[in-house]
Amino acid sequence: MSEETISYKHAMDELEAIVSRIEGDDVDLDKLTTDVERAAELIRLCRQKIRATEAQVREVVTQLDSEPS
């Protein structure tokens, strides 16, 4: 799944799975760097999606505010 098509929910689910692995008792040190790098990618993706959604919501609200009552 490409980064552009991954949903916010899927990204958060994957991020939660990574955090669970990292916080678990059996941390795989050979995979830790990969997990942390993937978590950082997912966090960036989620932040971008949040910013885009905020912009869209602001636009809708602005449109609604400019319509006559």
PDB file of N, CA and C in Angstrom:
ATOM      1  N   MET A   1       0.852  -1.170   0.000  1.00  0.00           N
ATOM      2  CA  MET A   1       0.000   0.000   0.000  1.00  0.00           C
ATOM      3  C   MET A   1       0.899   1.235   0.000  1.00  0.00           C
ATOM      4  N   SER A   2       0.665   2.125  -0.956  1.00  0.00           N
ATOM      5  CA  SER A   2       1.510   3.314  -1.022  1.00  0.00           C
ATOM      6  C   SER A   2       1.128   4.296   0.079  1.00  0.00           C
ATOM      7  N   GLU A   3       2.043   5.188   0.386  1.00  0.00           N
ATOM      8  CA  GLU A   3       1.813   6.153   1.454  1.00  0.00           C
ATOM      9  C   GLU A   3       0.633   7.068   1.130  1.00  0.00           C
ATOM     10  N   GLU A   4       0.379   7.332  -0.164  1.00  0.00           N
ATOM     11  CA  GLU A   4      -0.710   8.223  -0.524  1.00  0.00           C
ATOM     12  C   GLU A   4      -2.069   7.569  -0.287  1.00  0.00           C
ATOM     13  N   THR A   5      -2.141   6.251  -0.385  1.00  0.00           N
ATOM     14  CA  THR A   5      -3.432   5.576  -0.282  1.00  0.00           C
ATOM     15  C   THR A   5      -3.708   5.005   1.108  1.00  0.00           C
ATOM     16  N   ILE A   6      -2.742   5.018   1.969  1.00  0.00           N
ATOM     17  CA  ILE A   6      -2.951   4.460   3.307  1.00  0.00           C
ATOM     18  C   ILE A   6      -3.911   5.372   4.077  1.00  0.00           C
ATOM     19  N   SER A   7      -4.876   4.778   4.719  1.00  0.00           N
ATOM     20  CA  SER A   7      -5.843   5.573   5.476  1.00  0.00           C
ATOM     21  C   SER A   7      -5.254   5.962   6.831  1.00  0.00           C
ATOM     22  N   TYR A   8      -5.842   6.997   7.400  1.00  0.00           N
ATOM     23  CA  TYR A   8      -5.426   7.450   8.723  1.00  0.00           C
ATOM     24  C   TYR A   8      -5.590   6.315   9.728  1.00  0.00           C
ATOM     25  N   LYS A   9      -6.732   5.623   9.667  1.00  0.00           N
ATOM     26  CA  LYS A   9      -6.998   4.525  10.595  1.00  0.00           C
ATOM     27  C   LYS A   9      -5.963   3.414  10.451  1.00  0.00           C
ATOM     28  N   HIS A  10      -5.659   3.056   9.222  1.00  0.00           N
ATOM     29  CA  HIS A  10      -4.664   2.002   8.993  1.00  0.00           C
ATOM     30  C   HIS A  10      -3.303   2.432   9.539  1.00  0.00           C
ATOM     31  N   ALA A  11      -2.941   3.694   9.292  1.00  0.00           N
ATOM     32  CA  ALA A  11      -1.658   4.202   9.788  1.00  0.00           C
ATOM     33  C   ALA A  11      -1.622   4.166  11.309  1.00  0.00           C
ATOM     34  N   MET A  12      -2.714   4.573  11.945  1.00  0.00           N
ATOM     35  CA  MET A  12      -2.763   4.555  13.412  1.00  0.00           C
ATOM     36  C   MET A  12      -2.726   3.122  13.946  1.00  0.00           C
ATOM     37  N   ASP A  13      -3.425   2.210  13.301  1.00  0.00           N
ATOM     38  CA  ASP A  13      -3.391   0.803  13.729  1.00  0.00           C
ATOM     39  C   ASP A  13      -1.982   0.243  13.632  1.00  0.00           C
ATOM     40  N   GLU A  14      -1.305   0.538  12.521  1.00  0.00           N
ATOM     41  CA  GLU A  14       0.071   0.057  12.351  1.00  0.00           C
ATOM     42  C   GLU A  14       0.996   0.699  13.383  1.00  0.00           C
ATOM     43  N   LEU A  15       0.786   1.982  13.635  1.00  0.00           N
ATOM     44  CA  LEU A  15       1.604   2.681  14.626  1.00  0.00           C
ATOM     45  C   LEU A  15       1.402   2.085  16.017  1.00  0.00           C
ATOM     46  N   GLU A  16       0.163   1.796  16.368  1.00  0.00           N
ATOM     47  CA  GLU A  16      -0.117   1.172  17.668  1.00  0.00           C
ATOM     48  C   GLU A  16       0.534  -0.200  17.782  1.00  0.00           C
ATOM     49  N   ALA A  17       0.546  -0.957  16.686  1.00  0.00           N
ATOM     50  CA  ALA A  17       1.198  -2.271  16.697  1.00  0.00           C
ATOM     51  C   ALA A  17       2.704  -2.129  16.916  1.00  0.00           C
ATOM     52  N   ILE A  18       3.291  -1.143  16.275  1.00  0.00           N
ATOM     53  CA  ILE A  18       4.727  -0.905  16.444  1.00  0.00           C
ATOM     54  C   ILE A  18       5.028  -0.513  17.883  1.00  0.00           C
ATOM     55  N   VAL A  19       4.239   0.383  18.435  1.00  0.00           N
ATOM     56  CA  VAL A  19       4.451   0.810  19.827  1.00  0.00           C
ATOM     57  C   VAL A  19       4.327  -0.385  20.771  1.00  0.00           C
ATOM     58  N   SER A  20       3.355  -1.240  20.532  1.00  0.00           N
ATOM     59  CA  SER A  20       3.189  -2.442  21.369  1.00  0.00           C
ATOM     60  C   SER A  20       4.421  -3.335  21.298  1.00  0.00           C
ATOM     61  N   ARG A  21       4.960  -3.495  20.088  1.00  0.00           N
ATOM     62  CA  ARG A  21       6.165  -4.324  19.943  1.00  0.00           C
ATOM     63  C   ARG A  21       7.332  -3.700  20.689  1.00  0.00           C
ATOM     64  N   ILE A  22       7.488  -2.385  20.538  1.00  0.00           N
ATOM     65  CA  ILE A  22       8.623  -1.694  21.167  1.00  0.00           C
ATOM     66  C   ILE A  22       8.508  -1.734  22.689  1.00  0.00           C
ATOM     67  N   GLU A  23       7.297  -1.604  23.197  1.00  0.00           N
ATOM     68  CA  GLU A  23       7.090  -1.596  24.644  1.00  0.00           C
ATOM     69  C   GLU A  23       7.023  -3.005  25.239  1.00  0.00           C
ATOM     70  N   GLY A  24       6.961  -4.003  24.399  1.00  0.00           N
ATOM     71  CA  GLY A  24       6.823  -5.373  24.876  1.00  0.00           C
ATOM     72  C   GLY A  24       8.072  -5.900  25.567  1.00  0.00           C
ATOM     73  N   ASP A  25       7.924  -7.052  26.159  1.00  0.00           N
ATOM     74  CA  ASP A  25       9.025  -7.685  26.882  1.00  0.00           C
ATOM     75  C   ASP A  25      10.088  -8.278  25.958  1.00  0.00           C
ATOM     76  N   ASP A  26       9.676  -8.672  24.766  1.00  0.00           N
ATOM     77  CA  ASP A  26      10.594  -9.322  23.833  1.00  0.00           C
ATOM     78  C   ASP A  26      10.938  -8.406  22.663  1.00  0.00           C
ATOM     79  N   VAL A  27      11.596  -7.291  22.944  1.00  0.00           N
ATOM     80  CA  VAL A  27      11.955  -6.334  21.900  1.00  0.00           C
ATOM     81  C   VAL A  27      13.015  -6.963  21.006  1.00  0.00           C
ATOM     82  N   ASP A  28      12.743  -6.967  19.714  1.00  0.00           N
ATOM     83  CA  ASP A  28      13.687  -7.495  18.740  1.00  0.00           C
ATOM     84  C   ASP A  28      14.633  -6.364  18.342  1.00  0.00           C
ATOM     85  N   LEU A  29      15.827  -6.352  18.924  1.00  0.00           N
ATOM     86  CA  LEU A  29      16.777  -5.272  18.683  1.00  0.00           C
ATOM     87  C   LEU A  29      17.197  -5.182  17.222  1.00  0.00           C
ATOM     88  N   ASP A  30      17.167  -6.314  16.521  1.00  0.00           N
ATOM     89  CA  ASP A  30      17.519  -6.295  15.105  1.00  0.00           C
ATOM     90  C   ASP A  30      16.461  -5.562  14.279  1.00  0.00           C
ATOM     91  N   LYS A  31      15.253  -5.489  14.783  1.00  0.00           N
ATOM     92  CA  LYS A  31      14.157  -4.851  14.067  1.00  0.00           C
ATOM     93  C   LYS A  31      13.792  -3.487  14.658  1.00  0.00           C
ATOM     94  N   LEU A  32      14.373  -3.124  15.765  1.00  0.00           N
ATOM     95  CA  LEU A  32      14.004  -1.895  16.467  1.00  0.00           C
ATOM     96  C   LEU A  32      14.189  -0.654  15.596  1.00  0.00           C
ATOM     97  N   THR A  33      15.314  -0.524  14.933  1.00  0.00           N
ATOM     98  CA  THR A  33      15.560   0.648  14.097  1.00  0.00           C
ATOM     99  C   THR A  33      14.531   0.735  12.984  1.00  0.00           C
ATOM    100  N   THR A  34      14.248  -0.376  12.352  1.00  0.00           N
ATOM    101  CA  THR A  34      13.241  -0.405  11.289  1.00  0.00           C
ATOM    102  C   THR A  34      11.876   0.005  11.829  1.00  0.00           C
ATOM    103  N   ASP A  35      11.516  -0.506  12.995  1.00  0.00           N
ATOM    104  CA  ASP A  35      10.236  -0.154  13.603  1.00  0.00           C
ATOM    105  C   ASP A  35      10.152   1.334  13.925  1.00  0.00           C
ATOM    106  N   VAL A  36      11.222   1.880  14.484  1.00  0.00           N
ATOM    107  CA  VAL A  36      11.227   3.303  14.847  1.00  0.00           C
ATOM    108  C   VAL A  36      11.156   4.171  13.585  1.00  0.00           C
ATOM    109  N   GLU A  37      11.876   3.794  12.545  1.00  0.00           N
ATOM    110  CA  GLU A  37      11.818   4.549  11.285  1.00  0.00           C
ATOM    111  C   GLU A  37      10.418   4.498  10.681  1.00  0.00           C
ATOM    112  N   ARG A  38       9.791   3.325  10.700  1.00  0.00           N
ATOM    113  CA  ARG A  38       8.426   3.197  10.169  1.00  0.00           C
ATOM    114  C   ARG A  38       7.450   4.012  11.017  1.00  0.00           C
ATOM    115  N   ALA A  39       7.617   3.983  12.316  1.00  0.00           N
ATOM    116  CA  ALA A  39       6.754   4.768  13.197  1.00  0.00           C
ATOM    117  C   ALA A  39       6.877   6.258  12.858  1.00  0.00           C
ATOM    118  N   ALA A  40       8.082   6.728  12.613  1.00  0.00           N
ATOM    119  CA  ALA A  40       8.287   8.133  12.255  1.00  0.00           C
ATOM    120  C   ALA A  40       7.582   8.464  10.940  1.00  0.00           C
ATOM    121  N   GLU A  41       7.656   7.569   9.962  1.00  0.00           N
ATOM    122  CA  GLU A  41       6.960   7.773   8.689  1.00  0.00           C
ATOM    123  C   GLU A  41       5.446   7.860   8.911  1.00  0.00           C
ATOM    124  N   LEU A  42       4.936   6.959   9.726  1.00  0.00           N
ATOM    125  CA  LEU A  42       3.496   6.946   9.994  1.00  0.00           C
ATOM    126  C   LEU A  42       3.050   8.202  10.732  1.00  0.00           C
ATOM    127  N   ILE A  43       3.857   8.668  11.664  1.00  0.00           N
ATOM    128  CA  ILE A  43       3.532   9.904  12.385  1.00  0.00           C
ATOM    129  C   ILE A  43       3.494  11.080  11.415  1.00  0.00           C
ATOM    130  N   ARG A  44       4.480  11.163  10.522  1.00  0.00           N
ATOM    131  CA  ARG A  44       4.488  12.243   9.521  1.00  0.00           C
ATOM    132  C   ARG A  44       3.242  12.160   8.637  1.00  0.00           C
ATOM    133  N   LEU A  45       2.901  10.961   8.208  1.00  0.00           N
ATOM    134  CA  LEU A  45       1.726  10.763   7.364  1.00  0.00           C
ATOM    135  C   LEU A  45       0.447  11.194   8.088  1.00  0.00           C
ATOM    136  N   CYS A  46       0.307  10.783   9.337  1.00  0.00           N
ATOM    137  CA  CYS A  46      -0.878  11.149  10.120  1.00  0.00           C
ATOM    138  C   CYS A  46      -0.952  12.660  10.315  1.00  0.00           C
ATOM    139  N   ARG A  47       0.159  13.289  10.580  1.00  0.00           N
ATOM    140  CA  ARG A  47       0.168  14.753  10.745  1.00  0.00           C
ATOM    141  C   ARG A  47      -0.264  15.444   9.457  1.00  0.00           C
ATOM    142  N   GLN A  48       0.221  14.948   8.310  1.00  0.00           N
ATOM    143  CA  GLN A  48      -0.172  15.525   7.018  1.00  0.00           C
ATOM    144  C   GLN A  48      -1.675  15.371   6.791  1.00  0.00           C
ATOM    145  N   LYS A  49      -2.194  14.196   7.113  1.00  0.00           N
ATOM    146  CA  LYS A  49      -3.624  13.959   6.931  1.00  0.00           C
ATOM    147  C   LYS A  49      -4.451  14.853   7.862  1.00  0.00           C
ATOM    148  N   ILE A  50      -3.984  15.051   9.074  1.00  0.00           N
ATOM    149  CA  ILE A  50      -4.686  15.928  10.015  1.00  0.00           C
ATOM    150  C   ILE A  50      -4.676  17.360   9.496  1.00  0.00           C
ATOM    151  N   ARG A  51      -3.514  17.836   9.035  1.00  0.00           N
ATOM    152  CA  ARG A  51      -3.431  19.201   8.503  1.00  0.00           C
ATOM    153  C   ARG A  51      -4.342  19.380   7.289  1.00  0.00           C
ATOM    154  N   ALA A  52      -4.354  18.394   6.400  1.00  0.00           N
ATOM    155  CA  ALA A  52      -5.203  18.478   5.211  1.00  0.00           C
ATOM    156  C   ALA A  52      -6.679  18.499   5.596  1.00  0.00           C
ATOM    157  N   THR A  53      -7.045  17.678   6.557  1.00  0.00           N
ATOM    158  CA  THR A  53      -8.434  17.644   7.010  1.00  0.00           C
ATOM    159  C   THR A  53      -8.819  18.960   7.672  1.00  0.00           C
ATOM    160  N   GLU A  54      -7.937  19.505   8.496  1.00  0.00           N
ATOM    161  CA  GLU A  54      -8.206  20.803   9.127  1.00  0.00           C
ATOM    162  C   GLU A  54      -8.441  21.875   8.070  1.00  0.00           C
ATOM    163  N   ALA A  55      -7.626  21.883   7.020  1.00  0.00           N
ATOM    164  CA  ALA A  55      -7.771  22.874   5.957  1.00  0.00           C
ATOM    165  C   ALA A  55      -9.108  22.710   5.243  1.00  0.00           C
ATOM    166  N   GLN A  56      -9.500  21.471   4.988  1.00  0.00           N
ATOM    167  CA  GLN A  56     -10.779  21.214   4.321  1.00  0.00           C
ATOM    168  C   GLN A  56     -11.948  21.657   5.194  1.00  0.00           C
ATOM    169  N   VAL A  57     -11.878  21.369   6.479  1.00  0.00           N
ATOM    170  CA  VAL A  57     -12.951  21.763   7.397  1.00  0.00           C
ATOM    171  C   VAL A  57     -13.029  23.288   7.472  1.00  0.00           C
ATOM    172  N   ARG A  58     -11.883  23.954   7.562  1.00  0.00           N
ATOM    173  CA  ARG A  58     -11.876  25.420   7.583  1.00  0.00           C
ATOM    174  C   ARG A  58     -12.528  25.984   6.326  1.00  0.00           C
ATOM    175  N   GLU A  59     -12.229  25.390   5.180  1.00  0.00           N
ATOM    176  CA  GLU A  59     -12.805  25.838   3.915  1.00  0.00           C
ATOM    177  C   GLU A  59     -14.328  25.684   3.926  1.00  0.00           C
ATOM    178  N   VAL A  60     -14.814  24.563   4.401  1.00  0.00           N
ATOM    179  CA  VAL A  60     -16.261  24.343   4.473  1.00  0.00           C
ATOM    180  C   VAL A  60     -16.906  25.352   5.409  1.00  0.00           C
ATOM    181  N   VAL A  61     -16.300  25.567   6.560  1.00  0.00           N
ATOM    182  CA  VAL A  61     -16.850  26.521   7.521  1.00  0.00           C
ATOM    183  C   VAL A  61     -16.848  27.928   6.940  1.00  0.00           C
ATOM    184  N   THR A  62     -15.779  28.286   6.240  1.00  0.00           N
ATOM    185  CA  THR A  62     -15.707  29.607   5.599  1.00  0.00           C
ATOM    186  C   THR A  62     -16.810  29.760   4.567  1.00  0.00           C
ATOM    187  N   GLN A  63     -17.032  28.723   3.788  1.00  0.00           N
ATOM    188  CA  GLN A  63     -18.110  28.755   2.791  1.00  0.00           C
ATOM    189  C   GLN A  63     -19.466  28.915   3.469  1.00  0.00           C
ATOM    190  N   LEU A  64     -19.678  28.181   4.542  1.00  0.00           N
ATOM    191  CA  LEU A  64     -20.936  28.285   5.256  1.00  0.00           C
ATOM    192  C   LEU A  64     -21.130  29.677   5.851  1.00  0.00           C
ATOM    193  N   ASP A  65     -20.066  30.252   6.394  1.00  0.00           N
ATOM    194  CA  ASP A  65     -20.131  31.587   6.988  1.00  0.00           C
ATOM    195  C   ASP A  65     -20.415  32.670   5.943  1.00  0.00           C
ATOM    196  N   SER A  66     -19.999  32.438   4.711  1.00  0.00           N
ATOM    197  CA  SER A  66     -20.193  33.451   3.674  1.00  0.00           C
ATOM    198  C   SER A  66     -21.548  33.351   2.979  1.00  0.00           C
ATOM    199  N   GLU A  67     -22.273  32.273   3.233  1.00  0.00           N
ATOM    200  CA  GLU A  67     -23.611  32.126   2.643  1.00  0.00           C
ATOM    201  C   GLU A  67     -24.603  32.984   3.402  1.00  0.00           C
ATOM    202  N   PRO A  68     -25.570  33.559   2.656  1.00  0.00           N
ATOM    203  CA  PRO A  68     -26.602  34.340   3.355  1.00  0.00           C
ATOM    204  C   PRO A  68     -27.450  33.460   4.255  1.00  0.00           C
ATOM    205  N   SER A  69     -27.895  34.012   5.347  1.00  0.00           N
ATOM    206  CA  SER A  69     -28.693  33.255   6.308  1.00  0.00           C
ATOM    207  C   SER A  69     -30.122  33.123   5.859  1.00  0.00           C
TER     208      SER A  69
END
